[in-house]
Amino acid sequence: MLFAGPAPGFGFGYIQPPQASQAPQVTNIRRLQYALRNLAAFAADPSLSVVPDGKLGPRTRAAVNRALETYAESAPPAFRTGRLTSLQIVRNVGTIAPALEELAPL
């Protein structure tokens, strides 16, 4: 056993790198985060600006919900509730990211 104690990442400053199977998901989340940053600049809404680190945390989740609720009028009604969870965003990131990219031309 190489590590005795709590799971890595819990209090030891160790963050497990993404596995090869997770790499495309991190890329999609980063794409979503860049779309949010572009929309934040285009709409002059600083609450949408997030760090494109590939991690879906509470700030990214809140920014996605705000962007879909406020700006994405053509998004499906299920996405515009303002209550999407992190899991729902991850499952639908392939649909959400392009929808937000269309809102803010580069």
N, C-alpha and C. Protein backbone atom coordinates (compact mmCIF):
# COMPACT_ATOMS: atom_id res chain seq x y z
N MET A 1 0.84 -1.16 0.00
CA MET A 1 0.00 0.00 0.00
C MET A 1 0.89 1.23 0.00
N LEU A 2 0.66 2.10 -0.96
CA LEU A 2 1.48 3.28 -1.10
C LEU A 2 1.02 4.44 -0.24
N PHE A 3 -0.25 4.47 0.08
CA PHE A 3 -0.78 5.63 0.77
C PHE A 3 -1.73 5.16 1.86
N ALA A 4 -1.40 5.43 3.09
CA ALA A 4 -2.27 5.07 4.20
C ALA A 4 -2.88 6.34 4.75
N GLY A 5 -4.16 6.40 4.81
CA GLY A 5 -4.85 7.57 5.31
C GLY A 5 -6.04 7.91 4.44
N PRO A 6 -6.53 9.11 4.57
CA PRO A 6 -7.67 9.51 3.76
C PRO A 6 -7.35 9.45 2.27
N ALA A 7 -8.38 9.47 1.47
CA ALA A 7 -8.20 9.42 0.03
C ALA A 7 -7.38 10.60 -0.45
N PRO A 8 -6.58 10.43 -1.51
CA PRO A 8 -5.79 11.54 -2.03
C PRO A 8 -6.66 12.74 -2.36
N GLY A 9 -6.16 13.92 -2.04
CA GLY A 9 -6.89 15.13 -2.33
C GLY A 9 -7.65 15.66 -1.13
N PHE A 10 -7.68 14.90 -0.04
CA PHE A 10 -8.41 15.33 1.14
C PHE A 10 -7.42 15.70 2.24
N GLY A 11 -6.93 16.93 2.20
CA GLY A 11 -6.10 17.45 3.26
C GLY A 11 -4.61 17.25 3.07
N PHE A 12 -4.18 16.61 2.01
CA PHE A 12 -2.76 16.38 1.83
C PHE A 12 -2.17 17.18 0.68
N GLY A 13 -2.96 18.03 0.05
CA GLY A 13 -2.46 18.85 -1.04
C GLY A 13 -2.19 18.07 -2.31
N TYR A 14 -2.66 16.85 -2.39
CA TYR A 14 -2.43 16.01 -3.56
C TYR A 14 -3.70 15.97 -4.40
N ILE A 15 -3.56 16.32 -5.66
CA ILE A 15 -4.69 16.26 -6.57
C ILE A 15 -4.37 15.23 -7.63
N GLN A 16 -5.22 14.26 -7.76
CA GLN A 16 -5.00 13.19 -8.71
C GLN A 16 -5.17 13.73 -10.13
N PRO A 17 -4.18 13.49 -11.01
CA PRO A 17 -4.32 13.97 -12.38
C PRO A 17 -5.44 13.24 -13.10
N PRO A 18 -6.05 13.88 -14.09
CA PRO A 18 -7.14 13.22 -14.80
C PRO A 18 -6.65 11.97 -15.52
N GLN A 19 -7.48 10.97 -15.53
CA GLN A 19 -7.16 9.74 -16.24
C GLN A 19 -7.36 10.00 -17.73
N ALA A 20 -6.83 9.11 -18.56
CA ALA A 20 -6.94 9.28 -20.00
C ALA A 20 -8.40 9.32 -20.43
N SER A 21 -9.26 8.55 -19.75
CA SER A 21 -10.67 8.54 -20.12
C SER A 21 -11.38 9.84 -19.72
N GLN A 22 -10.80 10.60 -18.79
CA GLN A 22 -11.40 11.86 -18.35
C GLN A 22 -10.91 13.05 -19.16
N ALA A 23 -9.85 12.89 -19.93
CA ALA A 23 -9.26 14.01 -20.65
C ALA A 23 -10.25 14.69 -21.60
N PRO A 24 -11.04 13.96 -22.41
CA PRO A 24 -11.99 14.67 -23.26
C PRO A 24 -13.02 15.46 -22.46
N GLN A 25 -13.44 14.96 -21.31
CA GLN A 25 -14.41 15.67 -20.49
C GLN A 25 -13.82 16.97 -19.96
N VAL A 26 -12.56 16.95 -19.54
CA VAL A 26 -11.90 18.17 -19.06
C VAL A 26 -11.82 19.19 -20.20
N THR A 27 -11.53 18.72 -21.42
CA THR A 27 -11.47 19.61 -22.57
C THR A 27 -12.82 20.24 -22.84
N ASN A 28 -13.89 19.47 -22.73
CA ASN A 28 -15.23 20.01 -22.96
C ASN A 28 -15.61 21.03 -21.89
N ILE A 29 -15.24 20.77 -20.65
CA ILE A 29 -15.54 21.72 -19.58
C ILE A 29 -14.74 23.00 -19.78
N ARG A 30 -13.50 22.85 -20.19
CA ARG A 30 -12.67 24.04 -20.47
C ARG A 30 -13.28 24.85 -21.62
N ARG A 31 -13.79 24.15 -22.64
CA ARG A 31 -14.46 24.84 -23.76
C ARG A 31 -15.67 25.63 -23.24
N LEU A 32 -16.43 25.01 -22.35
CA LEU A 32 -17.57 25.69 -21.74
C LEU A 32 -17.12 26.93 -20.97
N GLN A 33 -16.03 26.81 -20.23
CA GLN A 33 -15.53 27.92 -19.44
C GLN A 33 -15.03 29.07 -20.33
N TYR A 34 -14.40 28.73 -21.46
CA TYR A 34 -13.99 29.79 -22.38
C TYR A 34 -15.21 30.46 -23.00
N ALA A 35 -16.25 29.70 -23.29
CA ALA A 35 -17.48 30.28 -23.82
C ALA A 35 -18.10 31.24 -22.80
N LEU A 36 -18.06 30.87 -21.54
CA LEU A 36 -18.57 31.75 -20.49
C LEU A 36 -17.76 33.04 -20.39
N ARG A 37 -16.44 32.93 -20.49
CA ARG A 37 -15.59 34.13 -20.43
C ARG A 37 -15.86 35.05 -21.60
N ASN A 38 -16.03 34.48 -22.80
CA ASN A 38 -16.33 35.31 -23.97
C ASN A 38 -17.68 36.00 -23.81
N LEU A 39 -18.65 35.26 -23.31
CA LEU A 39 -19.98 35.84 -23.09
C LEU A 39 -19.93 36.92 -22.01
N ALA A 40 -19.12 36.72 -20.99
CA ALA A 40 -18.97 37.73 -19.93
C ALA A 40 -18.43 39.03 -20.51
N ALA A 41 -17.45 38.93 -21.39
CA ALA A 41 -16.88 40.13 -22.01
C ALA A 41 -17.88 40.76 -22.98
N PHE A 42 -18.57 39.94 -23.76
CA PHE A 42 -19.51 40.44 -24.76
C PHE A 42 -20.71 41.12 -24.11
N ALA A 43 -21.23 40.53 -23.03
CA ALA A 43 -22.43 41.05 -22.37
C ALA A 43 -22.10 42.00 -21.22
N ALA A 44 -20.81 42.20 -20.95
CA ALA A 44 -20.37 43.05 -19.83
C ALA A 44 -21.00 42.58 -18.52
N ASP A 45 -20.95 41.28 -18.30
CA ASP A 45 -21.51 40.67 -17.10
C ASP A 45 -20.40 39.92 -16.37
N PRO A 46 -19.77 40.54 -15.37
CA PRO A 46 -18.64 39.89 -14.70
C PRO A 46 -19.01 38.63 -13.93
N SER A 47 -20.27 38.41 -13.64
CA SER A 47 -20.65 37.20 -12.91
C SER A 47 -20.49 35.94 -13.76
N LEU A 48 -20.30 36.10 -15.06
CA LEU A 48 -20.12 34.95 -15.94
C LEU A 48 -18.65 34.58 -16.13
N SER A 49 -17.74 35.43 -15.70
CA SER A 49 -16.32 35.18 -15.91
C SER A 49 -15.81 34.12 -14.94
N VAL A 50 -15.24 33.06 -15.50
CA VAL A 50 -14.68 31.97 -14.70
C VAL A 50 -13.27 31.66 -15.19
N VAL A 51 -12.52 30.95 -14.40
CA VAL A 51 -11.17 30.53 -14.77
C VAL A 51 -11.29 29.24 -15.58
N PRO A 52 -10.74 29.21 -16.79
CA PRO A 52 -10.84 27.99 -17.61
C PRO A 52 -9.83 26.93 -17.17
N ASP A 53 -10.12 26.27 -16.05
CA ASP A 53 -9.21 25.27 -15.50
C ASP A 53 -9.66 23.84 -15.76
N GLY A 54 -10.81 23.66 -16.38
CA GLY A 54 -11.30 22.32 -16.67
C GLY A 54 -12.01 21.66 -15.51
N LYS A 55 -12.22 22.40 -14.42
CA LYS A 55 -12.91 21.86 -13.25
C LYS A 55 -14.27 22.51 -13.14
N LEU A 56 -15.27 21.72 -12.85
CA LEU A 56 -16.62 22.24 -12.72
C LEU A 56 -16.93 22.42 -11.25
N GLY A 57 -16.71 23.63 -10.76
CA GLY A 57 -16.96 23.95 -9.36
C GLY A 57 -18.22 24.79 -9.22
N PRO A 58 -18.47 25.29 -8.03
CA PRO A 58 -19.69 26.06 -7.79
C PRO A 58 -19.76 27.36 -8.60
N ARG A 59 -18.65 28.01 -8.82
CA ARG A 59 -18.67 29.26 -9.60
C ARG A 59 -19.01 28.99 -11.06
N THR A 60 -18.43 27.94 -11.64
CA THR A 60 -18.76 27.59 -13.03
C THR A 60 -20.22 27.18 -13.14
N ARG A 61 -20.68 26.40 -12.17
CA ARG A 61 -22.09 25.96 -12.19
C ARG A 61 -23.03 27.16 -12.13
N ALA A 62 -22.73 28.11 -11.25
CA ALA A 62 -23.57 29.30 -11.13
C ALA A 62 -23.52 30.14 -12.40
N ALA A 63 -22.35 30.26 -13.01
CA ALA A 63 -22.23 31.04 -14.24
C ALA A 63 -22.99 30.38 -15.39
N VAL A 64 -22.93 29.06 -15.49
CA VAL A 64 -23.68 28.35 -16.53
C VAL A 64 -25.17 28.58 -16.34
N ASN A 65 -25.65 28.42 -15.12
CA ASN A 65 -27.07 28.61 -14.86
C ASN A 65 -27.51 30.05 -15.17
N ARG A 66 -26.70 31.02 -14.79
CA ARG A 66 -27.04 32.43 -15.07
C ARG A 66 -27.03 32.70 -16.57
N ALA A 67 -26.03 32.19 -17.27
CA ALA A 67 -25.93 32.42 -18.72
C ALA A 67 -27.12 31.80 -19.45
N LEU A 68 -27.48 30.58 -19.08
CA LEU A 68 -28.59 29.92 -19.75
C LEU A 68 -29.92 30.60 -19.43
N GLU A 69 -30.07 31.01 -18.20
CA GLU A 69 -31.32 31.62 -17.77
C GLU A 69 -31.50 33.03 -18.34
N THR A 70 -30.40 33.78 -18.41
CA THR A 70 -30.48 35.18 -18.80
C THR A 70 -30.31 35.43 -20.29
N TYR A 71 -29.36 34.72 -20.92
CA TYR A 71 -28.97 35.07 -22.28
C TYR A 71 -29.37 34.05 -23.35
N ALA A 72 -29.50 32.79 -23.00
CA ALA A 72 -29.75 31.75 -24.01
C ALA A 72 -31.24 31.51 -24.19
N GLU A 73 -31.87 32.42 -24.90
CA GLU A 73 -33.32 32.32 -25.08
C GLU A 73 -33.72 31.15 -25.98
N SER A 74 -32.81 30.69 -26.83
CA SER A 74 -33.13 29.58 -27.72
C SER A 74 -32.80 28.21 -27.11
N ALA A 75 -32.26 28.21 -25.89
CA ALA A 75 -31.93 26.94 -25.23
C ALA A 75 -33.22 26.22 -24.83
N PRO A 76 -33.16 24.89 -24.74
CA PRO A 76 -34.35 24.14 -24.30
C PRO A 76 -34.81 24.61 -22.92
N PRO A 77 -36.11 24.61 -22.68
CA PRO A 77 -36.63 25.08 -21.38
C PRO A 77 -36.04 24.34 -20.18
N ALA A 78 -35.71 23.08 -20.35
CA ALA A 78 -35.14 22.32 -19.23
C ALA A 78 -33.78 22.87 -18.81
N PHE A 79 -33.06 23.50 -19.73
CA PHE A 79 -31.76 24.09 -19.41
C PHE A 79 -31.90 25.48 -18.81
N ARG A 80 -33.03 26.13 -19.00
CA ARG A 80 -33.19 27.52 -18.60
C ARG A 80 -33.83 27.68 -17.22
N THR A 81 -33.85 26.63 -16.44
CA THR A 81 -34.48 26.70 -15.12
C THR A 81 -33.64 27.45 -14.11
N GLY A 82 -32.30 27.49 -14.33
CA GLY A 82 -31.42 28.11 -13.36
C GLY A 82 -31.05 27.18 -12.22
N ARG A 83 -31.40 25.91 -12.36
CA ARG A 83 -31.13 24.94 -11.29
C ARG A 83 -30.40 23.70 -11.78
N LEU A 84 -29.60 23.82 -12.83
CA LEU A 84 -28.85 22.66 -13.29
C LEU A 84 -27.78 22.28 -12.27
N THR A 85 -27.65 21.01 -12.02
CA THR A 85 -26.61 20.52 -11.11
C THR A 85 -25.32 20.32 -11.89
N SER A 86 -24.24 20.10 -11.18
CA SER A 86 -22.96 19.84 -11.83
C SER A 86 -23.04 18.60 -12.72
N LEU A 87 -23.71 17.57 -12.24
CA LEU A 87 -23.84 16.34 -13.02
C LEU A 87 -24.63 16.59 -14.30
N GLN A 88 -25.69 17.37 -14.23
CA GLN A 88 -26.47 17.68 -15.42
C GLN A 88 -25.65 18.49 -16.42
N ILE A 89 -24.83 19.39 -15.92
CA ILE A 89 -23.98 20.20 -16.81
C ILE A 89 -22.94 19.31 -17.48
N VAL A 90 -22.32 18.41 -16.71
CA VAL A 90 -21.31 17.51 -17.29
C VAL A 90 -21.94 16.62 -18.35
N ARG A 91 -23.12 16.10 -18.09
CA ARG A 91 -23.78 15.22 -19.05
C ARG A 91 -24.18 15.96 -20.32
N ASN A 92 -24.45 17.25 -20.23
CA ASN A 92 -24.93 18.02 -21.37
C ASN A 92 -23.94 19.06 -21.86
N VAL A 93 -22.69 18.96 -21.46
CA VAL A 93 -21.70 19.97 -21.82
C VAL A 93 -21.53 20.06 -23.34
N GLY A 94 -21.72 18.97 -24.05
CA GLY A 94 -21.60 18.98 -25.50
C GLY A 94 -22.69 19.79 -26.17
N THR A 95 -23.79 20.02 -25.50
CA THR A 95 -24.88 20.83 -26.02
C THR A 95 -24.80 22.26 -25.50
N ILE A 96 -24.42 22.40 -24.24
CA ILE A 96 -24.41 23.72 -23.60
C ILE A 96 -23.28 24.60 -24.15
N ALA A 97 -22.08 24.04 -24.29
CA ALA A 97 -20.93 24.85 -24.73
C ALA A 97 -21.17 25.48 -26.10
N PRO A 98 -21.60 24.72 -27.12
CA PRO A 98 -21.85 25.37 -28.42
C PRO A 98 -22.97 26.41 -28.36
N ALA A 99 -23.98 26.18 -27.53
CA ALA A 99 -25.07 27.15 -27.41
C ALA A 99 -24.55 28.47 -26.84
N LEU A 100 -23.65 28.41 -25.87
CA LEU A 100 -23.09 29.63 -25.30
C LEU A 100 -22.08 30.28 -26.24
N GLU A 101 -21.38 29.47 -27.01
CA GLU A 101 -20.42 30.02 -27.98
C GLU A 101 -21.13 30.84 -29.06
N GLU A 102 -22.34 30.43 -29.42
CA GLU A 102 -23.10 31.17 -30.43
C GLU A 102 -23.55 32.54 -29.92
N LEU A 103 -23.68 32.69 -28.62
CA LEU A 103 -24.17 33.95 -28.05
C LEU A 103 -23.13 35.06 -28.09
N ALA A 104 -21.85 34.69 -28.08
CA ALA A 104 -20.78 35.69 -28.04
C ALA A 104 -19.79 35.43 -29.16
N PRO A 105 -19.98 36.08 -30.29
CA PRO A 105 -19.03 35.89 -31.39
C PRO A 105 -17.64 36.41 -30.99
N LEU A 106 -16.63 35.73 -31.43
CA LEU A 106 -15.26 36.12 -31.06
C LEU A 106 -14.83 37.39 -31.71
